Amino acid sequence: MLPKTPKPALWRFIKNSAKTLFVLEAVCFAASYGLYYRMNTDQDFRRYINEKYPYALEYYYKIGEIVGDSKVREVDANYWATTAEQFKKE
């Protein structure tokens, strides 16, 4: 029978790094999907993103226009203009 030899330390490092990278990638994917889902369903959240991170909302609109015939940009602009007018009247 052949004697067992320990695996090199480099192999263990690569294996552990791959596991860590896989978990990190899964967490990042889940977080990005959650952010996309919230932006896709919550108009007030899109307004918050527009105020704090307008470049992120611009990317969201561009992706929507590339993937499908999305009119979200126009709908949001009309809604925000309407609500701004209502606050000015009060």
N, C-alpha and C. Protein backbone atom coordinates (compact mmCIF):
# COMPACT_ATOMS: atom_id res chain seq x y z
N MET A 1 0.84 -1.17 0.00
CA MET A 1 0.00 0.00 0.00
C MET A 1 0.89 1.24 0.00
N LEU A 2 0.44 2.25 -0.75
CA LEU A 2 1.22 3.47 -0.85
C LEU A 2 1.03 4.32 0.40
N PRO A 3 2.09 4.93 0.87
CA PRO A 3 1.95 5.81 2.03
C PRO A 3 1.24 7.11 1.63
N LYS A 4 0.41 7.64 2.54
CA LYS A 4 -0.30 8.89 2.27
C LYS A 4 0.66 10.05 2.46
N THR A 5 0.63 10.94 1.52
CA THR A 5 1.46 12.14 1.63
C THR A 5 0.54 13.34 1.76
N PRO A 6 0.92 14.30 2.55
CA PRO A 6 0.07 15.49 2.69
C PRO A 6 0.06 16.30 1.40
N LYS A 7 -1.08 16.93 1.16
CA LYS A 7 -1.20 17.77 -0.04
C LYS A 7 -0.40 19.04 0.19
N PRO A 8 0.14 19.58 -0.87
CA PRO A 8 0.92 20.82 -0.72
C PRO A 8 0.05 21.95 -0.19
N ALA A 9 0.70 22.85 0.52
CA ALA A 9 0.00 24.00 1.11
C ALA A 9 -0.59 24.89 0.03
N LEU A 10 0.06 24.98 -1.10
CA LEU A 10 -0.45 25.80 -2.20
C LEU A 10 -1.80 25.27 -2.68
N TRP A 11 -1.95 23.96 -2.78
CA TRP A 11 -3.21 23.37 -3.23
C TRP A 11 -4.33 23.68 -2.24
N ARG A 12 -4.05 23.59 -0.95
CA ARG A 12 -5.08 23.92 0.07
C ARG A 12 -5.46 25.39 -0.02
N PHE A 13 -4.47 26.27 -0.25
CA PHE A 13 -4.74 27.70 -0.37
C PHE A 13 -5.64 27.97 -1.57
N ILE A 14 -5.35 27.34 -2.71
CA ILE A 14 -6.16 27.54 -3.91
C ILE A 14 -7.58 27.03 -3.69
N LYS A 15 -7.69 25.88 -3.06
CA LYS A 15 -9.01 25.29 -2.80
C LYS A 15 -9.84 26.17 -1.87
N ASN A 16 -9.25 26.65 -0.78
CA ASN A 16 -9.96 27.52 0.16
C ASN A 16 -10.29 28.88 -0.48
N SER A 17 -9.40 29.38 -1.31
CA SER A 17 -9.66 30.65 -1.99
C SER A 17 -10.83 30.50 -2.96
N ALA A 18 -10.89 29.38 -3.65
CA ALA A 18 -11.99 29.15 -4.59
C ALA A 18 -13.33 29.08 -3.85
N LYS A 19 -13.34 28.41 -2.71
CA LYS A 19 -14.58 28.34 -1.91
C LYS A 19 -15.01 29.72 -1.45
N THR A 20 -14.05 30.49 -0.94
CA THR A 20 -14.35 31.84 -0.47
C THR A 20 -14.86 32.72 -1.60
N LEU A 21 -14.22 32.63 -2.76
CA LEU A 21 -14.64 33.41 -3.91
C LEU A 21 -16.06 33.03 -4.35
N PHE A 22 -16.38 31.75 -4.32
CA PHE A 22 -17.71 31.29 -4.70
C PHE A 22 -18.77 31.85 -3.75
N VAL A 23 -18.51 31.80 -2.46
CA VAL A 23 -19.46 32.33 -1.48
C VAL A 23 -19.61 33.83 -1.64
N LEU A 24 -18.51 34.54 -1.82
CA LEU A 24 -18.55 35.99 -1.99
C LEU A 24 -19.33 36.37 -3.25
N GLU A 25 -19.12 35.63 -4.31
CA GLU A 25 -19.85 35.90 -5.56
C GLU A 25 -21.34 35.65 -5.38
N ALA A 26 -21.71 34.61 -4.67
CA ALA A 26 -23.12 34.32 -4.42
C ALA A 26 -23.77 35.42 -3.59
N VAL A 27 -23.08 35.92 -2.59
CA VAL A 27 -23.60 37.01 -1.75
C VAL A 27 -23.77 38.28 -2.58
N CYS A 28 -22.79 38.61 -3.40
CA CYS A 28 -22.88 39.80 -4.24
C CYS A 28 -24.02 39.69 -5.25
N PHE A 29 -24.21 38.49 -5.81
CA PHE A 29 -25.30 38.29 -6.76
C PHE A 29 -26.65 38.47 -6.06
N ALA A 30 -26.79 37.92 -4.87
CA ALA A 30 -28.05 38.05 -4.13
C ALA A 30 -28.33 39.51 -3.78
N ALA A 31 -27.30 40.24 -3.38
CA ALA A 31 -27.48 41.65 -3.03
C ALA A 31 -27.85 42.47 -4.26
N SER A 32 -27.20 42.22 -5.39
CA SER A 32 -27.52 42.98 -6.60
C SER A 32 -28.92 42.65 -7.11
N TYR A 33 -29.33 41.38 -7.00
CA TYR A 33 -30.69 41.03 -7.40
C TYR A 33 -31.71 41.70 -6.49
N GLY A 34 -31.43 41.72 -5.19
CA GLY A 34 -32.34 42.39 -4.26
C GLY A 34 -32.48 43.87 -4.56
N LEU A 35 -31.38 44.53 -4.88
CA LEU A 35 -31.42 45.94 -5.23
C LEU A 35 -32.20 46.16 -6.52
N TYR A 36 -31.95 45.30 -7.52
CA TYR A 36 -32.68 45.42 -8.78
C TYR A 36 -34.18 45.19 -8.57
N TYR A 37 -34.53 44.19 -7.77
CA TYR A 37 -35.94 43.89 -7.52
C TYR A 37 -36.62 45.07 -6.83
N ARG A 38 -35.94 45.66 -5.87
CA ARG A 38 -36.53 46.80 -5.16
C ARG A 38 -36.68 48.01 -6.07
N MET A 39 -35.67 48.24 -6.93
CA MET A 39 -35.78 49.35 -7.88
C MET A 39 -36.88 49.10 -8.89
N ASN A 40 -37.09 47.85 -9.24
CA ASN A 40 -38.08 47.50 -10.25
C ASN A 40 -39.51 47.59 -9.72
N THR A 41 -39.70 47.48 -8.41
CA THR A 41 -41.04 47.43 -7.86
C THR A 41 -41.43 48.65 -7.02
N ASP A 42 -40.48 49.46 -6.61
CA ASP A 42 -40.77 50.54 -5.68
C ASP A 42 -40.37 51.89 -6.29
N GLN A 43 -41.36 52.68 -6.68
CA GLN A 43 -41.10 53.96 -7.32
C GLN A 43 -40.48 54.96 -6.34
N ASP A 44 -40.88 54.92 -5.09
CA ASP A 44 -40.28 55.82 -4.10
C ASP A 44 -38.80 55.50 -3.87
N PHE A 45 -38.45 54.23 -3.93
CA PHE A 45 -37.04 53.85 -3.80
C PHE A 45 -36.24 54.36 -5.00
N ARG A 46 -36.84 54.32 -6.19
CA ARG A 46 -36.16 54.87 -7.37
C ARG A 46 -35.94 56.37 -7.19
N ARG A 47 -36.89 57.04 -6.57
CA ARG A 47 -36.72 58.48 -6.34
C ARG A 47 -35.58 58.72 -5.35
N TYR A 48 -35.49 57.91 -4.31
CA TYR A 48 -34.39 58.01 -3.36
C TYR A 48 -33.05 57.78 -4.06
N ILE A 49 -33.00 56.75 -4.91
CA ILE A 49 -31.77 56.46 -5.65
C ILE A 49 -31.44 57.62 -6.59
N ASN A 50 -32.45 58.23 -7.18
CA ASN A 50 -32.22 59.37 -8.06
C ASN A 50 -31.62 60.54 -7.30
N GLU A 51 -32.04 60.75 -6.07
CA GLU A 51 -31.51 61.86 -5.28
C GLU A 51 -30.08 61.58 -4.79
N LYS A 52 -29.80 60.35 -4.39
CA LYS A 52 -28.50 60.02 -3.80
C LYS A 52 -27.48 59.53 -4.83
N TYR A 53 -27.92 58.66 -5.75
CA TYR A 53 -27.01 58.02 -6.71
C TYR A 53 -27.62 58.08 -8.11
N PRO A 54 -27.64 59.26 -8.73
CA PRO A 54 -28.32 59.37 -10.04
C PRO A 54 -27.68 58.50 -11.13
N TYR A 55 -26.39 58.26 -11.05
CA TYR A 55 -25.73 57.42 -12.06
C TYR A 55 -26.25 55.98 -12.00
N ALA A 56 -26.59 55.49 -10.81
CA ALA A 56 -27.11 54.12 -10.68
C ALA A 56 -28.50 54.03 -11.32
N LEU A 57 -29.31 55.04 -11.12
CA LEU A 57 -30.64 55.04 -11.73
C LEU A 57 -30.54 55.15 -13.24
N GLU A 58 -29.57 55.90 -13.72
CA GLU A 58 -29.36 56.02 -15.16
C GLU A 58 -29.01 54.65 -15.77
N TYR A 59 -28.15 53.89 -15.10
CA TYR A 59 -27.83 52.54 -15.58
C TYR A 59 -29.06 51.64 -15.55
N TYR A 60 -29.88 51.77 -14.52
CA TYR A 60 -31.11 50.98 -14.43
C TYR A 60 -32.02 51.28 -15.61
N TYR A 61 -32.20 52.56 -15.93
CA TYR A 61 -33.03 52.94 -17.06
C TYR A 61 -32.45 52.42 -18.38
N LYS A 62 -31.13 52.54 -18.56
CA LYS A 62 -30.50 52.08 -19.80
C LYS A 62 -30.67 50.58 -19.98
N ILE A 63 -30.50 49.82 -18.91
CA ILE A 63 -30.67 48.37 -19.01
C ILE A 63 -32.12 48.04 -19.36
N GLY A 64 -33.07 48.75 -18.75
CA GLY A 64 -34.48 48.52 -19.08
C GLY A 64 -34.80 48.84 -20.52
N GLU A 65 -34.18 49.87 -21.07
CA GLU A 65 -34.43 50.23 -22.46
C GLU A 65 -33.77 49.25 -23.42
N ILE A 66 -32.62 48.69 -23.03
CA ILE A 66 -31.94 47.72 -23.90
C ILE A 66 -32.67 46.39 -23.89
N VAL A 67 -33.07 45.93 -22.71
CA VAL A 67 -33.70 44.61 -22.59
C VAL A 67 -35.11 44.62 -23.19
N GLY A 68 -35.86 45.65 -22.94
CA GLY A 68 -37.23 45.71 -23.45
C GLY A 68 -37.61 47.14 -23.75
N ASP A 69 -38.81 47.32 -24.23
CA ASP A 69 -39.30 48.67 -24.53
C ASP A 69 -39.85 49.27 -23.25
N SER A 70 -38.95 49.72 -22.38
CA SER A 70 -39.33 50.19 -21.06
C SER A 70 -39.64 51.69 -21.08
N LYS A 71 -40.74 52.04 -20.51
CA LYS A 71 -41.15 53.45 -20.39
C LYS A 71 -41.06 53.91 -18.94
N VAL A 72 -40.27 53.25 -18.14
CA VAL A 72 -40.19 53.57 -16.72
C VAL A 72 -39.66 54.98 -16.50
N ARG A 73 -38.71 55.40 -17.31
CA ARG A 73 -38.14 56.74 -17.16
C ARG A 73 -39.21 57.81 -17.32
N GLU A 74 -40.05 57.69 -18.34
CA GLU A 74 -41.09 58.68 -18.57
C GLU A 74 -42.16 58.63 -17.48
N VAL A 75 -42.52 57.42 -17.06
CA VAL A 75 -43.53 57.27 -16.01
C VAL A 75 -43.03 57.91 -14.71
N ASP A 76 -41.77 57.64 -14.36
CA ASP A 76 -41.20 58.23 -13.15
C ASP A 76 -41.15 59.75 -13.24
N ALA A 77 -40.70 60.27 -14.37
CA ALA A 77 -40.60 61.73 -14.54
C ALA A 77 -41.97 62.39 -14.41
N ASN A 78 -42.98 61.78 -15.02
CA ASN A 78 -44.34 62.34 -14.92
C ASN A 78 -44.87 62.29 -13.50
N TYR A 79 -44.65 61.17 -12.83
CA TYR A 79 -45.13 61.02 -11.46
C TYR A 79 -44.43 62.00 -10.52
N TRP A 80 -43.12 62.13 -10.66
CA TRP A 80 -42.37 63.02 -9.78
C TRP A 80 -42.73 64.48 -10.04
N ALA A 81 -42.99 64.83 -11.30
CA ALA A 81 -43.41 66.19 -11.61
C ALA A 81 -44.79 66.47 -11.03
N THR A 82 -45.68 65.51 -11.10
CA THR A 82 -47.03 65.67 -10.55
C THR A 82 -46.99 65.82 -9.04
N THR A 83 -46.21 64.98 -8.37
CA THR A 83 -46.14 65.09 -6.91
C THR A 83 -45.44 66.37 -6.49
N ALA A 84 -44.48 66.86 -7.26
CA ALA A 84 -43.81 68.12 -6.93
C ALA A 84 -44.79 69.28 -7.04
N GLU A 85 -45.66 69.24 -8.04
CA GLU A 85 -46.68 70.28 -8.20
C GLU A 85 -47.67 70.26 -7.04
N GLN A 86 -48.03 69.07 -6.57
CA GLN A 86 -48.97 68.97 -5.46
C GLN A 86 -48.37 69.55 -4.19
N PHE A 87 -47.09 69.33 -3.95
CA PHE A 87 -46.46 69.87 -2.75
C PHE A 87 -46.32 71.39 -2.84
N LYS A 88 -46.17 71.94 -4.04
CA LYS A 88 -46.05 73.38 -4.20
C LYS A 88 -47.38 74.06 -3.93
N LYS A 89 -48.49 73.39 -4.30
CA LYS A 89 -49.82 73.96 -4.09
C LYS A 89 -50.19 74.01 -2.62
N GLU A 90 -49.68 73.07 -1.85
CA GLU A 90 -50.07 72.99 -0.44
C GLU A 90 -49.29 73.91 0.42
